[in-house]
């Protein structure tokens, strides 16, 4: 499902690879194991696949983003923070989501 979504958004041609750390949800409680597994897959993505950025696929992995970035020579995007920053950027100019203009001063 993830790859089909990436294709639908027209981003597949820009992807170096999609890799999984093969962790179960309950494994994510183990910080060291999670960091080691994700770091290994990220290293392979950078060294073998030519990735220039690592985008984590789960907001639960936010706790390892900083440590992962310190281990790699490429930026690491944590989806929770990225979503919040995007929302802030869209809200800052005062844009509205309605198709109809505001009746009062917005």
C-alpha atoms as a PDB file:
ATOM      1  CA  UNK A   1       0.000   0.000   0.000  1.00  0.00           C
ATOM      2  CA  UNK A   2       2.827   2.464   0.755  1.00  0.00           C
ATOM      3  CA  UNK A   3       4.491   2.067  -2.626  1.00  0.00           C
ATOM      4  CA  UNK A   4       1.185   2.472  -4.474  1.00  0.00           C
ATOM      5  CA  UNK A   5       0.547   5.711  -2.524  1.00  0.00           C
ATOM      6  CA  UNK A   6       4.022   6.960  -3.418  1.00  0.00           C
ATOM      7  CA  UNK A   7       3.308   6.187  -7.080  1.00  0.00           C
ATOM      8  CA  UNK A   8      -0.097   7.934  -6.907  1.00  0.00           C
ATOM      9  CA  UNK A   9       1.585  11.069  -5.584  1.00  0.00           C
ATOM     10  CA  UNK A  10       4.067  10.974  -8.463  1.00  0.00           C
ATOM     11  CA  UNK A  11       7.074  10.586  -6.192  1.00  0.00           C
ATOM     12  CA  UNK A  12       8.229   7.084  -7.077  1.00  0.00           C
ATOM     13  CA  UNK A  13      10.797   8.285  -9.617  1.00  0.00           C
ATOM     14  CA  UNK A  14      12.424  10.388  -6.881  1.00  0.00           C
ATOM     15  CA  UNK A  15      12.776   7.495  -4.438  1.00  0.00           C
ATOM     16  CA  UNK A  16      16.075   5.678  -3.994  1.00  0.00           C
ATOM     17  CA  UNK A  17      14.394   2.810  -2.140  1.00  0.00           C
ATOM     18  CA  UNK A  18      11.800   1.809   0.417  1.00  0.00           C
ATOM     19  CA  UNK A  19      13.255  -0.277   3.234  1.00  0.00           C
ATOM     20  CA  UNK A  20      11.804  -1.895   6.330  1.00  0.00           C
ATOM     21  CA  UNK A  21      13.582  -2.430   9.627  1.00  0.00           C
ATOM     22  CA  UNK A  22      11.410  -5.522  10.251  1.00  0.00           C
ATOM     23  CA  UNK A  23      10.377  -4.408  13.726  1.00  0.00           C
ATOM     24  CA  UNK A  24       7.078  -5.194  15.375  1.00  0.00           C
ATOM     25  CA  UNK A  25       5.172  -2.432  17.154  1.00  0.00           C
ATOM     26  CA  UNK A  26       6.102  -3.824  20.557  1.00  0.00           C
ATOM     27  CA  UNK A  27       9.789  -3.824  19.542  1.00  0.00           C
ATOM     28  CA  UNK A  28       9.690  -0.041  19.246  1.00  0.00           C
ATOM     29  CA  UNK A  29       9.781   0.199  23.048  1.00  0.00           C
ATOM     30  CA  UNK A  30      13.390  -0.989  22.882  1.00  0.00           C
ATOM     31  CA  UNK A  31      15.234   2.208  21.911  1.00  0.00           C
ATOM     32  CA  UNK A  32      18.625   0.614  21.241  1.00  0.00           C
ATOM     33  CA  UNK A  33      17.198  -2.220  19.132  1.00  0.00           C
ATOM     34  CA  UNK A  34      15.024   0.188  17.157  1.00  0.00           C
ATOM     35  CA  UNK A  35      17.910   2.578  16.536  1.00  0.00           C
ATOM     36  CA  UNK A  36      20.262  -0.233  15.493  1.00  0.00           C
ATOM     37  CA  UNK A  37      17.744  -1.813  13.085  1.00  0.00           C
ATOM     38  CA  UNK A  38      16.683   1.451  11.477  1.00  0.00           C
ATOM     39  CA  UNK A  39      20.271   2.741  11.298  1.00  0.00           C
ATOM     40  CA  UNK A  40      21.380  -0.390   9.443  1.00  0.00           C
ATOM     41  CA  UNK A  41      18.590  -0.088   6.858  1.00  0.00           C
ATOM     42  CA  UNK A  42      19.259   3.641   6.505  1.00  0.00           C
ATOM     43  CA  UNK A  43      22.976   2.988   6.004  1.00  0.00           C
ATOM     44  CA  UNK A  44      22.178   0.502   3.222  1.00  0.00           C
ATOM     45  CA  UNK A  45      19.758   2.984   1.649  1.00  0.00           C
ATOM     46  CA  UNK A  46      22.447   5.672   1.602  1.00  0.00           C
ATOM     47  CA  UNK A  47      25.462   3.555   0.628  1.00  0.00           C
ATOM     48  CA  UNK A  48      23.884   1.041  -1.753  1.00  0.00           C
ATOM     49  CA  UNK A  49      20.720   2.739  -3.020  1.00  0.00           C
ATOM     50  CA  UNK A  50      22.004   6.313  -3.220  1.00  0.00           C
ATOM     51  CA  UNK A  51      19.497   7.841  -0.804  1.00  0.00           C
ATOM     52  CA  UNK A  52      20.163  11.502  -0.044  1.00  0.00           C
ATOM     53  CA  UNK A  53      17.487  11.826   2.655  1.00  0.00           C
ATOM     54  CA  UNK A  54      15.956   9.296   5.048  1.00  0.00           C
ATOM     55  CA  UNK A  55      12.229   9.695   5.698  1.00  0.00           C
ATOM     56  CA  UNK A  56      11.053   7.672   8.676  1.00  0.00           C
ATOM     57  CA  UNK A  57       7.787   5.870   8.030  1.00  0.00           C
ATOM     58  CA  UNK A  58       6.280   6.067  11.495  1.00  0.00           C
ATOM     59  CA  UNK A  59       5.828   8.856  14.021  1.00  0.00           C
ATOM     60  CA  UNK A  60       6.689   6.416  16.800  1.00  0.00           C
ATOM     61  CA  UNK A  61      10.265   6.495  15.495  1.00  0.00           C
ATOM     62  CA  UNK A  62      10.535  10.186  16.316  1.00  0.00           C
ATOM     63  CA  UNK A  63      12.538   9.385  19.418  1.00  0.00           C
ATOM     64  CA  UNK A  64      15.404   7.987  17.323  1.00  0.00           C
ATOM     65  CA  UNK A  65      15.468  10.674  14.619  1.00  0.00           C
ATOM     66  CA  UNK A  66      18.172  12.798  16.247  1.00  0.00           C
ATOM     67  CA  UNK A  67      20.441   9.880  17.065  1.00  0.00           C
ATOM     68  CA  UNK A  68      19.907   8.447  13.581  1.00  0.00           C
ATOM     69  CA  UNK A  69      20.817  11.770  11.961  1.00  0.00           C
ATOM     70  CA  UNK A  70      24.038  11.808  13.998  1.00  0.00           C
ATOM     71  CA  UNK A  71      24.974   8.381  12.592  1.00  0.00           C
ATOM     72  CA  UNK A  72      24.330   9.310   8.952  1.00  0.00           C
ATOM     73  CA  UNK A  73      25.714  11.831   6.498  1.00  0.00           C
ATOM     74  CA  UNK A  74      22.223  12.685   5.214  1.00  0.00           C
ATOM     75  CA  UNK A  75      19.205  14.476   6.708  1.00  0.00           C
ATOM     76  CA  UNK A  76      16.548  12.465   8.548  1.00  0.00           C
ATOM     77  CA  UNK A  77      12.911  13.545   8.236  1.00  0.00           C
ATOM     78  CA  UNK A  78      10.646  12.586  11.124  1.00  0.00           C
ATOM     79  CA  UNK A  79       7.032  12.567   9.840  1.00  0.00           C
ATOM     80  CA  UNK A  80       5.365  13.943  12.971  1.00  0.00           C
ATOM     81  CA  UNK A  81       7.580  17.013  13.091  1.00  0.00           C
ATOM     82  CA  UNK A  82       7.368  17.440   9.310  1.00  0.00           C
ATOM     83  CA  UNK A  83       3.550  17.391   9.450  1.00  0.00           C
ATOM     84  CA  UNK A  84       3.455  19.977  12.237  1.00  0.00           C
ATOM     85  CA  UNK A  85       5.909  22.256  10.416  1.00  0.00           C
ATOM     86  CA  UNK A  86       3.848  21.959   7.222  1.00  0.00           C
ATOM     87  CA  UNK A  87       0.659  22.836   9.116  1.00  0.00           C
ATOM     88  CA  UNK A  88       2.405  25.851  10.670  1.00  0.00           C
ATOM     89  CA  UNK A  89       3.652  27.002   7.268  1.00  0.00           C
ATOM     90  CA  UNK A  90       0.186  26.700   5.739  1.00  0.00           C
ATOM     91  CA  UNK A  91      -1.495  28.483   8.647  1.00  0.00           C
ATOM     92  CA  UNK A  92       1.013  31.347   8.910  1.00  0.00           C
ATOM     93  CA  UNK A  93      -0.210  33.350   5.895  1.00  0.00           C
ATOM     94  CA  UNK A  94      -3.803  33.003   7.092  1.00  0.00           C
ATOM     95  CA  UNK A  95      -4.956  30.745   4.286  1.00  0.00           C
ATOM     96  CA  UNK A  96      -8.335  29.120   4.757  1.00  0.00           C
ATOM     97  CA  UNK A  97      -9.443  25.699   3.588  1.00  0.00           C
ATOM     98  CA  UNK A  98     -12.938  26.751   2.519  1.00  0.00           C
ATOM     99  CA  UNK A  99     -13.885  27.045  -1.144  1.00  0.00           C
ATOM    100  CA  UNK A 100     -15.960  30.077  -0.225  1.00  0.00           C
ATOM    101  CA  UNK A 101     -14.617  33.409   1.016  1.00  0.00           C
ATOM    102  CA  UNK A 102     -15.116  34.372   4.623  1.00  0.00           C
ATOM    103  CA  UNK A 103     -18.169  36.628   5.139  1.00  0.00           C
ATOM    104  CA  UNK A 104     -16.477  38.549   7.916  1.00  0.00           C
ATOM    105  CA  UNK A 105     -12.932  39.783   8.212  1.00  0.00           C
ATOM    106  CA  UNK A 106     -10.939  36.601   8.762  1.00  0.00           C
END
